[in-house]
Amino acid sequence: MSDMNTPLSKVRGLGSGKTGTETFISHRIQAVANIPLVIFFIVSFVGNAGKSHAEWIAWIKQPIVSVLLILFILNFTNHMRTGLQEVVEDYVHGHGNKWAATLAIRFSCALIAGLSVFSILRIAFGG
């Protein structure tokens, strides 16, 4: 059985999105930025293990700690969103499924980031 589609109809909608390189580089920059932030996060939490609630609050209230925690949350959730979006673009087929997955990823990452930053700010400013 011969294929009756023209070459143009075979590739329509499958061409370059014009953002592949930009997304790739952005994702790698986020990963590099995550290295010192993750090290700070792990070292800080290991160093504070076993401390009381009041000591944790006092630690988070320090301006540099609050800023670094917020940077960690924002960069990490953005990196997570970008990575999950790449997986959806590569492996989820069907426009509706792709749209729903993208919406769920963006909403979830924004919710995680928003609630986390709100919590850090609330502690930092004594709320």
PDB file of N, CA and C in Angstrom:
ATOM      1  N   MET A   1       0.848  -1.165   0.000  1.00  0.00           N
ATOM      2  CA  MET A   1       0.000   0.000   0.000  1.00  0.00           C
ATOM      3  C   MET A   1       0.900   1.235   0.000  1.00  0.00           C
ATOM      4  N   SER A   2       0.667   2.140  -0.897  1.00  0.00           N
ATOM      5  CA  SER A   2       1.513   3.327  -1.006  1.00  0.00           C
ATOM      6  C   SER A   2       0.964   4.454  -0.131  1.00  0.00           C
ATOM      7  N   ASP A   3       1.863   5.307   0.277  1.00  0.00           N
ATOM      8  CA  ASP A   3       1.503   6.448   1.122  1.00  0.00           C
ATOM      9  C   ASP A   3       1.081   7.601   0.225  1.00  0.00           C
ATOM     10  N   MET A   4      -0.113   8.131   0.448  1.00  0.00           N
ATOM     11  CA  MET A   4      -0.658   9.178  -0.415  1.00  0.00           C
ATOM     12  C   MET A   4      -0.373  10.586   0.124  1.00  0.00           C
ATOM     13  N   ASN A   5       0.288  10.702   1.282  1.00  0.00           N
ATOM     14  CA  ASN A   5       0.571  12.015   1.848  1.00  0.00           C
ATOM     15  C   ASN A   5       1.748  12.664   1.134  1.00  0.00           C
ATOM     16  N   THR A   6       1.668  13.979   0.991  1.00  0.00           N
ATOM     17  CA  THR A   6       2.788  14.712   0.418  1.00  0.00           C
ATOM     18  C   THR A   6       3.865  14.868   1.489  1.00  0.00           C
ATOM     19  N   PRO A   7       5.098  15.141   1.079  1.00  0.00           N
ATOM     20  CA  PRO A   7       6.156  15.342   2.073  1.00  0.00           C
ATOM     21  C   PRO A   7       5.830  16.470   3.055  1.00  0.00           C
ATOM     22  N   LEU A   8       5.186  17.518   2.561  1.00  0.00           N
ATOM     23  CA  LEU A   8       4.830  18.627   3.447  1.00  0.00           C
ATOM     24  C   LEU A   8       3.823  18.189   4.502  1.00  0.00           C
ATOM     25  N   SER A   9       2.835  17.388   4.115  1.00  0.00           N
ATOM     26  CA  SER A   9       1.827  16.960   5.088  1.00  0.00           C
ATOM     27  C   SER A   9       2.419  16.008   6.118  1.00  0.00           C
ATOM     28  N   LYS A  10       3.478  15.311   5.774  1.00  0.00           N
ATOM     29  CA  LYS A  10       4.118  14.390   6.717  1.00  0.00           C
ATOM     30  C   LYS A  10       4.835  15.133   7.845  1.00  0.00           C
ATOM     31  N   VAL A  11       5.370  16.296   7.547  1.00  0.00           N
ATOM     32  CA  VAL A  11       6.162  17.018   8.552  1.00  0.00           C
ATOM     33  C   VAL A  11       5.432  18.211   9.157  1.00  0.00           C
ATOM     34  N   ARG A  12       4.250  18.509   8.678  1.00  0.00           N
ATOM     35  CA  ARG A  12       3.512  19.658   9.197  1.00  0.00           C
ATOM     36  C   ARG A  12       3.298  19.504  10.699  1.00  0.00           C
ATOM     37  N   GLY A  13       3.651  20.520  11.434  1.00  0.00           N
ATOM     38  CA  GLY A  13       3.492  20.487  12.879  1.00  0.00           C
ATOM     39  C   GLY A  13       4.598  19.729  13.596  1.00  0.00           C
ATOM     40  N   LEU A  14       5.547  19.191  12.873  1.00  0.00           N
ATOM     41  CA  LEU A  14       6.623  18.435  13.502  1.00  0.00           C
ATOM     42  C   LEU A  14       7.970  19.127  13.377  1.00  0.00           C
ATOM     43  N   GLY A  15       7.967  20.336  12.867  1.00  0.00           N
ATOM     44  CA  GLY A  15       9.219  21.050  12.658  1.00  0.00           C
ATOM     45  C   GLY A  15       9.756  21.678  13.919  1.00  0.00           C
ATOM     46  N   SER A  16      10.777  22.467  13.746  1.00  0.00           N
ATOM     47  CA  SER A  16      11.459  23.114  14.856  1.00  0.00           C
ATOM     48  C   SER A  16      10.528  24.073  15.581  1.00  0.00           C
ATOM     49  N   GLY A  17      10.570  24.027  16.892  1.00  0.00           N
ATOM     50  CA  GLY A  17       9.792  24.944  17.708  1.00  0.00           C
ATOM     51  C   GLY A  17      10.536  26.250  17.922  1.00  0.00           C
ATOM     52  N   LYS A  18      11.760  26.337  17.435  1.00  0.00           N
ATOM     53  CA  LYS A  18      12.611  27.523  17.523  1.00  0.00           C
ATOM     54  C   LYS A  18      13.037  27.871  18.949  1.00  0.00           C
ATOM     55  N   THR A  19      12.739  27.005  19.935  1.00  0.00           N
ATOM     56  CA  THR A  19      13.125  27.318  21.301  1.00  0.00           C
ATOM     57  C   THR A  19      13.939  26.201  21.941  1.00  0.00           C
ATOM     58  N   GLY A  20      14.290  25.183  21.187  1.00  0.00           N
ATOM     59  CA  GLY A  20      14.992  24.037  21.753  1.00  0.00           C
ATOM     60  C   GLY A  20      16.324  24.397  22.374  1.00  0.00           C
ATOM     61  N   THR A  21      17.139  25.166  21.672  1.00  0.00           N
ATOM     62  CA  THR A  21      18.454  25.542  22.186  1.00  0.00           C
ATOM     63  C   THR A  21      18.322  26.449  23.392  1.00  0.00           C
ATOM     64  N   GLU A  22      17.413  27.400  23.319  1.00  0.00           N
ATOM     65  CA  GLU A  22      17.200  28.329  24.438  1.00  0.00           C
ATOM     66  C   GLU A  22      16.753  27.577  25.689  1.00  0.00           C
ATOM     67  N   THR A  23      15.838  26.636  25.528  1.00  0.00           N
ATOM     68  CA  THR A  23      15.356  25.834  26.653  1.00  0.00           C
ATOM     69  C   THR A  23      16.471  24.966  27.214  1.00  0.00           C
ATOM     70  N   PHE A  24      17.254  24.358  26.339  1.00  0.00           N
ATOM     71  CA  PHE A  24      18.362  23.507  26.766  1.00  0.00           C
ATOM     72  C   PHE A  24      19.370  24.299  27.604  1.00  0.00           C
ATOM     73  N   ILE A  25      19.769  25.459  27.097  1.00  0.00           N
ATOM     74  CA  ILE A  25      20.752  26.291  27.811  1.00  0.00           C
ATOM     75  C   ILE A  25      20.172  26.801  29.125  1.00  0.00           C
ATOM     76  N   SER A  26      18.926  27.238  29.115  1.00  0.00           N
ATOM     77  CA  SER A  26      18.273  27.721  30.326  1.00  0.00           C
ATOM     78  C   SER A  26      18.212  26.636  31.391  1.00  0.00           C
ATOM     79  N   HIS A  27      17.884  25.428  30.981  1.00  0.00           N
ATOM     80  CA  HIS A  27      17.791  24.314  31.924  1.00  0.00           C
ATOM     81  C   HIS A  27      19.160  24.011  32.525  1.00  0.00           C
ATOM     82  N   ARG A  28      20.214  24.088  31.731  1.00  0.00           N
ATOM     83  CA  ARG A  28      21.563  23.825  32.236  1.00  0.00           C
ATOM     84  C   ARG A  28      22.029  24.935  33.177  1.00  0.00           C
ATOM     85  N   ILE A  29      21.676  26.182  32.896  1.00  0.00           N
ATOM     86  CA  ILE A  29      22.031  27.295  33.787  1.00  0.00           C
ATOM     87  C   ILE A  29      21.321  27.133  35.124  1.00  0.00           C
ATOM     88  N   GLN A  30      20.050  26.735  35.090  1.00  0.00           N
ATOM     89  CA  GLN A  30      19.309  26.488  36.329  1.00  0.00           C
ATOM     90  C   GLN A  30      19.963  25.361  37.125  1.00  0.00           C
ATOM     91  N   ALA A  31      20.418  24.324  36.441  1.00  0.00           N
ATOM     92  CA  ALA A  31      21.064  23.199  37.119  1.00  0.00           C
ATOM     93  C   ALA A  31      22.358  23.646  37.794  1.00  0.00           C
ATOM     94  N   VAL A  32      23.134  24.450  37.115  1.00  0.00           N
ATOM     95  CA  VAL A  32      24.394  24.948  37.698  1.00  0.00           C
ATOM     96  C   VAL A  32      24.096  25.855  38.891  1.00  0.00           C
ATOM     97  N   ALA A  33      23.076  26.686  38.780  1.00  0.00           N
ATOM     98  CA  ALA A  33      22.699  27.564  39.898  1.00  0.00           C
ATOM     99  C   ALA A  33      22.195  26.750  41.082  1.00  0.00           C
ATOM    100  N   ASN A  34      21.605  25.606  40.806  1.00  0.00           N
ATOM    101  CA  ASN A  34      21.103  24.752  41.880  1.00  0.00           C
ATOM    102  C   ASN A  34      22.216  24.118  42.699  1.00  0.00           C
ATOM    103  N   ILE A  35      23.398  23.952  42.134  1.00  0.00           N
ATOM    104  CA  ILE A  35      24.483  23.265  42.847  1.00  0.00           C
ATOM    105  C   ILE A  35      24.812  23.948  44.173  1.00  0.00           C
ATOM    106  N   PRO A  36      25.177  25.247  44.188  1.00  0.00           N
ATOM    107  CA  PRO A  36      25.486  25.862  45.486  1.00  0.00           C
ATOM    108  C   PRO A  36      24.260  25.988  46.388  1.00  0.00           C
ATOM    109  N   LEU A  37      23.078  26.174  45.781  1.00  0.00           N
ATOM    110  CA  LEU A  37      21.862  26.300  46.587  1.00  0.00           C
ATOM    111  C   LEU A  37      21.506  24.981  47.271  1.00  0.00           C
ATOM    112  N   VAL A  38      21.669  23.873  46.575  1.00  0.00           N
ATOM    113  CA  VAL A  38      21.396  22.565  47.168  1.00  0.00           C
ATOM    114  C   VAL A  38      22.429  22.251  48.247  1.00  0.00           C
ATOM    115  N   ILE A  39      23.688  22.591  47.992  1.00  0.00           N
ATOM    116  CA  ILE A  39      24.726  22.385  49.012  1.00  0.00           C
ATOM    117  C   ILE A  39      24.390  23.183  50.261  1.00  0.00           C
ATOM    118  N   PHE A  40      24.011  24.452  50.095  1.00  0.00           N
ATOM    119  CA  PHE A  40      23.601  25.271  51.240  1.00  0.00           C
ATOM    120  C   PHE A  40      22.432  24.629  51.973  1.00  0.00           C
ATOM    121  N   PHE A  41      21.434  24.194  51.221  1.00  0.00           N
ATOM    122  CA  PHE A  41      20.230  23.592  51.788  1.00  0.00           C
ATOM    123  C   PHE A  41      20.575  22.350  52.608  1.00  0.00           C
ATOM    124  N   ILE A  42      21.355  21.460  52.050  1.00  0.00           N
ATOM    125  CA  ILE A  42      21.697  20.209  52.734  1.00  0.00           C
ATOM    126  C   ILE A  42      22.568  20.477  53.960  1.00  0.00           C
ATOM    127  N   VAL A  43      23.622  21.275  53.799  1.00  0.00           N
ATOM    128  CA  VAL A  43      24.529  21.566  54.922  1.00  0.00           C
ATOM    129  C   VAL A  43      23.770  22.265  56.048  1.00  0.00           C
ATOM    130  N   SER A  44      22.905  23.184  55.705  1.00  0.00           N
ATOM    131  CA  SER A  44      22.140  23.912  56.715  1.00  0.00           C
ATOM    132  C   SER A  44      21.199  22.996  57.472  1.00  0.00           C
ATOM    133  N   PHE A  45      20.512  22.155  56.747  1.00  0.00           N
ATOM    134  CA  PHE A  45      19.552  21.278  57.416  1.00  0.00           C
ATOM    135  C   PHE A  45      20.243  20.193  58.232  1.00  0.00           C
ATOM    136  N   VAL A  46      21.355  19.686  57.762  1.00  0.00           N
ATOM    137  CA  VAL A  46      22.108  18.709  58.554  1.00  0.00           C
ATOM    138  C   VAL A  46      22.672  19.385  59.798  1.00  0.00           C
ATOM    139  N   GLY A  47      23.158  20.612  59.630  1.00  0.00           N
ATOM    140  CA  GLY A  47      23.707  21.361  60.767  1.00  0.00           C
ATOM    141  C   GLY A  47      22.664  21.729  61.809  1.00  0.00           C
ATOM    142  N   ASN A  48      21.422  21.859  61.395  1.00  0.00           N
ATOM    143  CA  ASN A  48      20.343  22.231  62.318  1.00  0.00           C
ATOM    144  C   ASN A  48      19.542  21.029  62.815  1.00  0.00           C
ATOM    145  N   ALA A  49      19.928  19.845  62.408  1.00  0.00           N
ATOM    146  CA  ALA A  49      19.195  18.636  62.827  1.00  0.00           C
ATOM    147  C   ALA A  49      19.221  18.523  64.348  1.00  0.00           C
ATOM    148  N   GLY A  50      18.087  18.236  64.907  1.00  0.00           N
ATOM    149  CA  GLY A  50      17.992  18.050  66.342  1.00  0.00           C
ATOM    150  C   GLY A  50      17.746  19.327  67.137  1.00  0.00           C
ATOM    151  N   LYS A  51      17.699  20.462  66.456  1.00  0.00           N
ATOM    152  CA  LYS A  51      17.455  21.724  67.148  1.00  0.00           C
ATOM    153  C   LYS A  51      15.957  21.903  67.407  1.00  0.00           C
ATOM    154  N   SER A  52      15.651  22.754  68.335  1.00  0.00           N
ATOM    155  CA  SER A  52      14.259  23.001  68.696  1.00  0.00           C
ATOM    156  C   SER A  52      13.552  23.844  67.635  1.00  0.00           C
ATOM    157  N   HIS A  53      12.236  23.903  67.736  1.00  0.00           N
ATOM    158  CA  HIS A  53      11.431  24.720  66.817  1.00  0.00           C
ATOM    159  C   HIS A  53      11.859  26.181  66.874  1.00  0.00           C
ATOM    160  N   ALA A  54      12.077  26.698  68.064  1.00  0.00           N
ATOM    161  CA  ALA A  54      12.485  28.104  68.232  1.00  0.00           C
ATOM    162  C   ALA A  54      13.836  28.369  67.563  1.00  0.00           C
ATOM    163  N   GLU A  55      14.744  27.413  67.647  1.00  0.00           N
ATOM    164  CA  GLU A  55      16.052  27.590  67.001  1.00  0.00           C
ATOM    165  C   GLU A  55      15.921  27.567  65.478  1.00  0.00           C
ATOM    166  N   TRP A  56      15.029  26.722  64.952  1.00  0.00           N
ATOM    167  CA  TRP A  56      14.780  26.703  63.506  1.00  0.00           C
ATOM    168  C   TRP A  56      14.197  28.035  63.042  1.00  0.00           C
ATOM    169  N   ILE A  57      13.246  28.558  63.803  1.00  0.00           N
ATOM    170  CA  ILE A  57      12.628  29.839  63.446  1.00  0.00           C
ATOM    171  C   ILE A  57      13.674  30.944  63.460  1.00  0.00           C
ATOM    172  N   ALA A  58      14.511  30.959  64.495  1.00  0.00           N
ATOM    173  CA  ALA A  58      15.577  31.969  64.582  1.00  0.00           C
ATOM    174  C   ALA A  58      16.534  31.845  63.399  1.00  0.00           C
ATOM    175  N   TRP A  59      16.798  30.630  62.998  1.00  0.00           N
ATOM    176  CA  TRP A  59      17.699  30.413  61.849  1.00  0.00           C
ATOM    177  C   TRP A  59      17.077  30.946  60.555  1.00  0.00           C
ATOM    178  N   ILE A  60      15.804  30.650  60.331  1.00  0.00           N
ATOM    179  CA  ILE A  60      15.135  31.104  59.101  1.00  0.00           C
ATOM    180  C   ILE A  60      14.971  32.622  59.091  1.00  0.00           C
ATOM    181  N   LYS A  61      14.875  33.248  60.254  1.00  0.00           N
ATOM    182  CA  LYS A  61      14.703  34.698  60.328  1.00  0.00           C
ATOM    183  C   LYS A  61      15.952  35.465  59.910  1.00  0.00           C
ATOM    184  N   GLN A  62      17.084  34.804  59.845  1.00  0.00           N
ATOM    185  CA  GLN A  62      18.295  35.489  59.392  1.00  0.00           C
ATOM    186  C   GLN A  62      18.116  35.887  57.920  1.00  0.00           C
ATOM    187  N   PRO A  63      18.380  37.140  57.570  1.00  0.00           N
ATOM    188  CA  PRO A  63      18.114  37.611  56.202  1.00  0.00           C
ATOM    189  C   PRO A  63      18.798  36.785  55.111  1.00  0.00           C
ATOM    190  N   ILE A  64      20.061  36.458  55.298  1.00  0.00           N
ATOM    191  CA  ILE A  64      20.770  35.712  54.251  1.00  0.00           C
ATOM    192  C   ILE A  64      20.170  34.313  54.084  1.00  0.00           C
ATOM    193  N   VAL A  65      19.767  33.706  55.192  1.00  0.00           N
ATOM    194  CA  VAL A  65      19.156  32.373  55.130  1.00  0.00           C
ATOM    195  C   VAL A  65      17.821  32.455  54.398  1.00  0.00           C
ATOM    196  N   SER A  66      16.997  33.428  54.745  1.00  0.00           N
ATOM    197  CA  SER A  66      15.692  33.585  54.086  1.00  0.00           C
ATOM    198  C   SER A  66      15.851  33.796  52.585  1.00  0.00           C
ATOM    199  N   VAL A  67      16.777  34.659  52.207  1.00  0.00           N
ATOM    200  CA  VAL A  67      16.994  34.950  50.784  1.00  0.00           C
ATOM    201  C   VAL A  67      17.479  33.704  50.056  1.00  0.00           C
ATOM    202  N   LEU A  68      18.434  32.987  50.646  1.00  0.00           N
ATOM    203  CA  LEU A  68      18.952  31.779  49.994  1.00  0.00           C
ATOM    204  C   LEU A  68      17.887  30.689  49.898  1.00  0.00           C
ATOM    205  N   LEU A  69      17.056  30.556  50.917  1.00  0.00           N
ATOM    206  CA  LEU A  69      15.966  29.576  50.849  1.00  0.00           C
ATOM    207  C   LEU A  69      14.965  29.933  49.749  1.00  0.00           C
ATOM    208  N   ILE A  70      14.639  31.217  49.639  1.00  0.00           N
ATOM    209  CA  ILE A  70      13.709  31.652  48.586  1.00  0.00           C
ATOM    210  C   ILE A  70      14.321  31.429  47.206  1.00  0.00           C
ATOM    211  N   LEU A  71      15.604  31.763  47.042  1.00  0.00           N
ATOM    212  CA  LEU A  71      16.273  31.518  45.758  1.00  0.00           C
ATOM    213  C   LEU A  71      16.285  30.030  45.432  1.00  0.00           C
ATOM    214  N   PHE A  72      16.547  29.207  46.435  1.00  0.00           N
ATOM    215  CA  PHE A  72      16.535  27.759  46.237  1.00  0.00           C
ATOM    216  C   PHE A  72      15.163  27.297  45.762  1.00  0.00           C
ATOM    217  N   ILE A  73      14.117  27.718  46.448  1.00  0.00           N
ATOM    218  CA  ILE A  73      12.759  27.303  46.089  1.00  0.00           C
ATOM    219  C   ILE A  73      12.407  27.748  44.671  1.00  0.00           C
ATOM    220  N   LEU A  74      12.661  29.012  44.353  1.00  0.00           N
ATOM    221  CA  LEU A  74      12.291  29.532  43.035  1.00  0.00           C
ATOM    222  C   LEU A  74      13.070  28.854  41.919  1.00  0.00           C
ATOM    223  N   ASN A  75      14.377  28.698  42.111  1.00  0.00           N
ATOM    224  CA  ASN A  75      15.188  28.068  41.069  1.00  0.00           C
ATOM    225  C   ASN A  75      14.854  26.584  40.934  1.00  0.00           C
ATOM    226  N   PHE A  76      14.673  25.926  42.060  1.00  0.00           N
ATOM    227  CA  PHE A  76      14.377  24.492  42.036  1.00  0.00           C
ATOM    228  C   PHE A  76      13.024  24.211  41.366  1.00  0.00           C
ATOM    229  N   THR A  77      11.998  24.973  41.720  1.00  0.00           N
ATOM    230  CA  THR A  77      10.682  24.726  41.119  1.00  0.00           C
ATOM    231  C   THR A  77      10.671  25.090  39.634  1.00  0.00           C
ATOM    232  N   ASN A  78      11.408  26.129  39.252  1.00  0.00           N
ATOM    233  CA  ASN A  78      11.486  26.479  37.835  1.00  0.00           C
ATOM    234  C   ASN A  78      12.244  25.399  37.061  1.00  0.00           C
ATOM    235  N   HIS A  79      13.316  24.882  37.645  1.00  0.00           N
ATOM    236  CA  HIS A  79      14.080  23.799  37.031  1.00  0.00           C
ATOM    237  C   HIS A  79      13.197  22.545  36.902  1.00  0.00           C
ATOM    238  N   MET A  80      12.423  22.261  37.948  1.00  0.00           N
ATOM    239  CA  MET A  80      11.516  21.126  37.933  1.00  0.00           C
ATOM    240  C   MET A  80      10.460  21.296  36.832  1.00  0.00           C
ATOM    241  N   ARG A  81       9.890  22.492  36.736  1.00  0.00           N
ATOM    242  CA  ARG A  81       8.877  22.755  35.703  1.00  0.00           C
ATOM    243  C   ARG A  81       9.454  22.573  34.307  1.00  0.00           C
ATOM    244  N   THR A  82      10.642  23.109  34.084  1.00  0.00           N
ATOM    245  CA  THR A  82      11.274  22.998  32.772  1.00  0.00           C
ATOM    246  C   THR A  82      11.555  21.536  32.410  1.00  0.00           C
ATOM    247  N   GLY A  83      12.086  20.786  33.368  1.00  0.00           N
ATOM    248  CA  GLY A  83      12.384  19.377  33.116  1.00  0.00           C
ATOM    249  C   GLY A  83      11.141  18.555  32.847  1.00  0.00           C
ATOM    250  N   LEU A  84      10.103  18.757  33.658  1.00  0.00           N
ATOM    251  CA  LEU A  84       8.857  18.017  33.448  1.00  0.00           C
ATOM    252  C   LEU A  84       8.207  18.403  32.123  1.00  0.00           C
ATOM    253  N   GLN A  85       8.311  19.675  31.756  1.00  0.00           N
ATOM    254  CA  GLN A  85       7.747  20.130  30.488  1.00  0.00           C
ATOM    255  C   GLN A  85       8.446  19.446  29.315  1.00  0.00           C
ATOM    256  N   GLU A  86       9.761  19.274  29.411  1.00  0.00           N
ATOM    257  CA  GLU A  86      10.494  18.586  28.347  1.00  0.00           C
ATOM    258  C   GLU A  86      10.027  17.137  28.221  1.00  0.00           C
ATOM    259  N   VAL A  87       9.785  16.483  29.350  1.00  0.00           N
ATOM    260  CA  VAL A  87       9.297  15.104  29.327  1.00  0.00           C
ATOM    261  C   VAL A  87       7.931  15.045  28.652  1.00  0.00           C
ATOM    262  N   VAL A  88       7.053  15.973  28.994  1.00  0.00           N
ATOM    263  CA  VAL A  88       5.717  16.004  28.384  1.00  0.00           C
ATOM    264  C   VAL A  88       5.827  16.233  26.881  1.00  0.00           C
ATOM    265  N   GLU A  89       6.652  17.176  26.475  1.00  0.00           N
ATOM    266  CA  GLU A  89       6.785  17.466  25.046  1.00  0.00           C
ATOM    267  C   GLU A  89       7.320  16.265  24.276  1.00  0.00           C
ATOM    268  N   ASP A  90       8.199  15.488  24.910  1.00  0.00           N
ATOM    269  CA  ASP A  90       8.804  14.351  24.224  1.00  0.00           C
ATOM    270  C   ASP A  90       7.933  13.095  24.236  1.00  0.00           C
ATOM    271  N   TYR A  91       7.181  12.871  25.315  1.00  0.00           N
ATOM    272  CA  TYR A  91       6.548  11.570  25.488  1.00  0.00           C
ATOM    273  C   TYR A  91       5.024  11.568  25.570  1.00  0.00           C
ATOM    274  N   VAL A  92       4.396  12.722  25.737  1.00  0.00           N
ATOM    275  CA  VAL A  92       2.939  12.761  25.795  1.00  0.00           C
ATOM    276  C   VAL A  92       2.414  13.101  24.407  1.00  0.00           C
ATOM    277  N   HIS A  93       1.538  12.250  23.914  1.00  0.00           N
ATOM    278  CA  HIS A  93       0.995  12.443  22.572  1.00  0.00           C
ATOM    279  C   HIS A  93      -0.464  12.851  22.679  1.00  0.00           C
ATOM    280  N   GLY A  94      -0.883  13.605  21.725  1.00  0.00           N
ATOM    281  CA  GLY A  94      -2.261  14.097  21.712  1.00  0.00           C
ATOM    282  C   GLY A  94      -2.299  15.497  22.292  1.00  0.00           C
ATOM    283  N   HIS A  95      -2.912  16.387  21.553  1.00  0.00           N
ATOM    284  CA  HIS A  95      -2.941  17.794  21.949  1.00  0.00           C
ATOM    285  C   HIS A  95      -3.606  17.997  23.312  1.00  0.00           C
ATOM    286  N   GLY A  96      -4.735  17.343  23.536  1.00  0.00           N
ATOM    287  CA  GLY A  96      -5.467  17.508  24.797  1.00  0.00           C
ATOM    288  C   GLY A  96      -4.676  17.004  25.988  1.00  0.00           C
ATOM    289  N   ASN A  97      -4.059  15.834  25.844  1.00  0.00           N
ATOM    290  CA  ASN A  97      -3.247  15.286  26.937  1.00  0.00           C
ATOM    291  C   ASN A  97      -2.044  16.166  27.235  1.00  0.00           C
ATOM    292  N   LYS A  98      -1.419  16.646  26.186  1.00  0.00           N
ATOM    293  CA  LYS A  98      -0.245  17.503  26.349  1.00  0.00           C
ATOM    294  C   LYS A  98      -0.638  18.805  27.043  1.00  0.00           C
ATOM    295  N   TRP A  99      -1.773  19.366  26.632  1.00  0.00           N
ATOM    296  CA  TRP A  99      -2.245  20.620  27.232  1.00  0.00           C
ATOM    297  C   TRP A  99      -2.571  20.418  28.706  1.00  0.00           C
ATOM    298  N   ALA A 100      -3.265  19.338  29.037  1.00  0.00           N
ATOM    299  CA  ALA A 100      -3.645  19.051  30.424  1.00  0.00           C
ATOM    300  C   ALA A 100      -2.416  18.813  31.292  1.00  0.00           C
ATOM    301  N   ALA A 101      -1.452  18.070  30.781  1.00  0.00           N
ATOM    302  CA  ALA A 101      -0.228  17.804  31.541  1.00  0.00           C
ATOM    303  C   ALA A 101       0.565  19.091  31.765  1.00  0.00           C
ATOM    304  N   THR A 102       0.649  19.912  30.744  1.00  0.00           N
ATOM    305  CA  THR A 102       1.362  21.190  30.865  1.00  0.00           C
ATOM    306  C   THR A 102       0.682  22.085  31.897  1.00  0.00           C
ATOM    307  N   LEU A 103      -0.626  22.140  31.856  1.00  0.00           N
ATOM    308  CA  LEU A 103      -1.373  22.948  32.816  1.00  0.00           C
ATOM    309  C   LEU A 103      -1.151  22.439  34.239  1.00  0.00           C
ATOM    310  N   ALA A 104      -1.201  21.140  34.423  1.00  0.00           N
ATOM    311  CA  ALA A 104      -0.998  20.551  35.751  1.00  0.00           C
ATOM    312  C   ALA A 104       0.415  20.828  36.270  1.00  0.00           C
ATOM    313  N   ILE A 105       1.402  20.713  35.395  1.00  0.00           N
ATOM    314  CA  ILE A 105       2.794  20.977  35.793  1.00  0.00           C
ATOM    315  C   ILE A 105       2.961  22.431  36.202  1.00  0.00           C
ATOM    316  N   ARG A 106       2.496  23.341  35.371  1.00  0.00           N
ATOM    317  CA  ARG A 106       2.662  24.768  35.683  1.00  0.00           C
ATOM    318  C   ARG A 106       1.936  25.156  36.966  1.00  0.00           C
ATOM    319  N   PHE A 107       0.698  24.664  37.128  1.00  0.00           N
ATOM    320  CA  PHE A 107      -0.075  24.987  38.322  1.00  0.00           C
ATOM    321  C   PHE A 107       0.600  24.418  39.567  1.00  0.00           C
ATOM    322  N   SER A 108       1.028  23.171  39.501  1.00  0.00           N
ATOM    323  CA  SER A 108       1.656  22.520  40.657  1.00  0.00           C
ATOM    324  C   SER A 108       2.951  23.220  41.061  1.00  0.00           C
ATOM    325  N   CYS A 109       3.786  23.517  40.091  1.00  0.00           N
ATOM    326  CA  CYS A 109       5.062  24.183  40.394  1.00  0.00           C
ATOM    327  C   CYS A 109       4.830  25.586  40.950  1.00  0.00           C
ATOM    328  N   ALA A 110       3.870  26.313  40.389  1.00  0.00           N
ATOM    329  CA  ALA A 110       3.565  27.654  40.902  1.00  0.00           C
ATOM    330  C   ALA A 110       3.013  27.576  42.322  1.00  0.00           C
ATOM    331  N   LEU A 111       2.173  26.593  42.584  1.00  0.00           N
ATOM    332  CA  LEU A 111       1.610  26.413  43.923  1.00  0.00           C
ATOM    333  C   LEU A 111       2.705  26.074  44.934  1.00  0.00           C
ATOM    334  N   ILE A 112       3.582  25.158  44.586  1.00  0.00           N
ATOM    335  CA  ILE A 112       4.690  24.784  45.472  1.00  0.00           C
ATOM    336  C   ILE A 112       5.566  25.997  45.758  1.00  0.00           C
ATOM    337  N   ALA A 113       5.938  26.727  44.711  1.00  0.00           N
ATOM    338  CA  ALA A 113       6.802  27.894  44.883  1.00  0.00           C
ATOM    339  C   ALA A 113       6.104  28.971  45.704  1.00  0.00           C
ATOM    340  N   GLY A 114       4.868  29.266  45.374  1.00  0.00           N
ATOM    341  CA  GLY A 114       4.134  30.319  46.077  1.00  0.00           C
ATOM    342  C   GLY A 114       3.949  30.035  47.554  1.00  0.00           C
ATOM    343  N   LEU A 115       3.502  28.823  47.877  1.00  0.00           N
ATOM    344  CA  LEU A 115       3.308  28.468  49.281  1.00  0.00           C
ATOM    345  C   LEU A 115       4.625  28.438  50.050  1.00  0.00           C
ATOM    346  N   SER A 116       5.680  27.955  49.409  1.00  0.00           N
ATOM    347  CA  SER A 116       6.983  27.891  50.068  1.00  0.00           C
ATOM    348  C   SER A 116       7.542  29.289  50.346  1.00  0.00           C
ATOM    349  N   VAL A 117       7.490  30.161  49.355  1.00  0.00           N
ATOM    350  CA  VAL A 117       7.992  31.526  49.539  1.00  0.00           C
ATOM    351  C   VAL A 117       7.148  32.258  50.578  1.00  0.00           C
ATOM    352  N   PHE A 118       5.828  32.090  50.511  1.00  0.00           N
ATOM    353  CA  PHE A 118       4.954  32.709  51.505  1.00  0.00           C
ATOM    354  C   PHE A 118       5.334  32.261  52.918  1.00  0.00           C
ATOM    355  N   SER A 119       5.571  30.969  53.088  1.00  0.00           N
ATOM    356  CA  SER A 119       5.917  30.439  54.404  1.00  0.00           C
ATOM    357  C   SER A 119       7.233  31.006  54.911  1.00  0.00           C
ATOM    358  N   ILE A 120       8.218  31.073  54.033  1.00  0.00           N
ATOM    359  CA  ILE A 120       9.519  31.622  54.436  1.00  0.00           C
ATOM    360  C   ILE A 120       9.378  33.089  54.812  1.00  0.00           C
ATOM    361  N   LEU A 121       8.653  33.862  53.999  1.00  0.00           N
ATOM    362  CA  LEU A 121       8.470  35.289  54.300  1.00  0.00           C
ATOM    363  C   LEU A 121       7.691  35.498  55.590  1.00  0.00           C
ATOM    364  N   ARG A 122       6.708  34.657  55.811  1.00  0.00           N
ATOM    365  CA  ARG A 122       5.911  34.787  57.034  1.00  0.00           C
ATOM    366  C   ARG A 122       6.778  34.546  58.257  1.00  0.00           C
ATOM    367  N   ILE A 123       7.637  33.547  58.199  1.00  0.00           N
ATOM    368  CA  ILE A 123       8.549  33.303  59.317  1.00  0.00           C
ATOM    369  C   ILE A 123       9.570  34.427  59.430  1.00  0.00           C
ATOM    370  N   ALA A 124      10.137  34.839  58.310  1.00  0.00           N
ATOM    371  CA  ALA A 124      11.187  35.862  58.327  1.00  0.00           C
ATOM    372  C   ALA A 124      10.703  37.189  58.880  1.00  0.00           C
ATOM    373  N   PHE A 125       9.451  37.532  58.608  1.00  0.00           N
ATOM    374  CA  PHE A 125       8.929  38.810  59.082  1.00  0.00           C
ATOM    375  C   PHE A 125       8.084  38.680  60.330  1.00  0.00           C
ATOM    376  N   GLY A 126       8.190  37.520  60.987  1.00  0.00           N
ATOM    377  CA  GLY A 126       7.600  37.342  62.303  1.00  0.00           C
ATOM    378  C   GLY A 126       6.115  37.117  62.370  1.00  0.00           C
ATOM    379  N   GLY A 127       5.519  36.646  61.278  1.00  0.00           N
ATOM    380  CA  GLY A 127       4.078  36.432  61.275  1.00  0.00           C
ATOM    381  C   GLY A 127       3.638  35.168  61.930  1.00  0.00           C
TER     382      GLY A 127
END
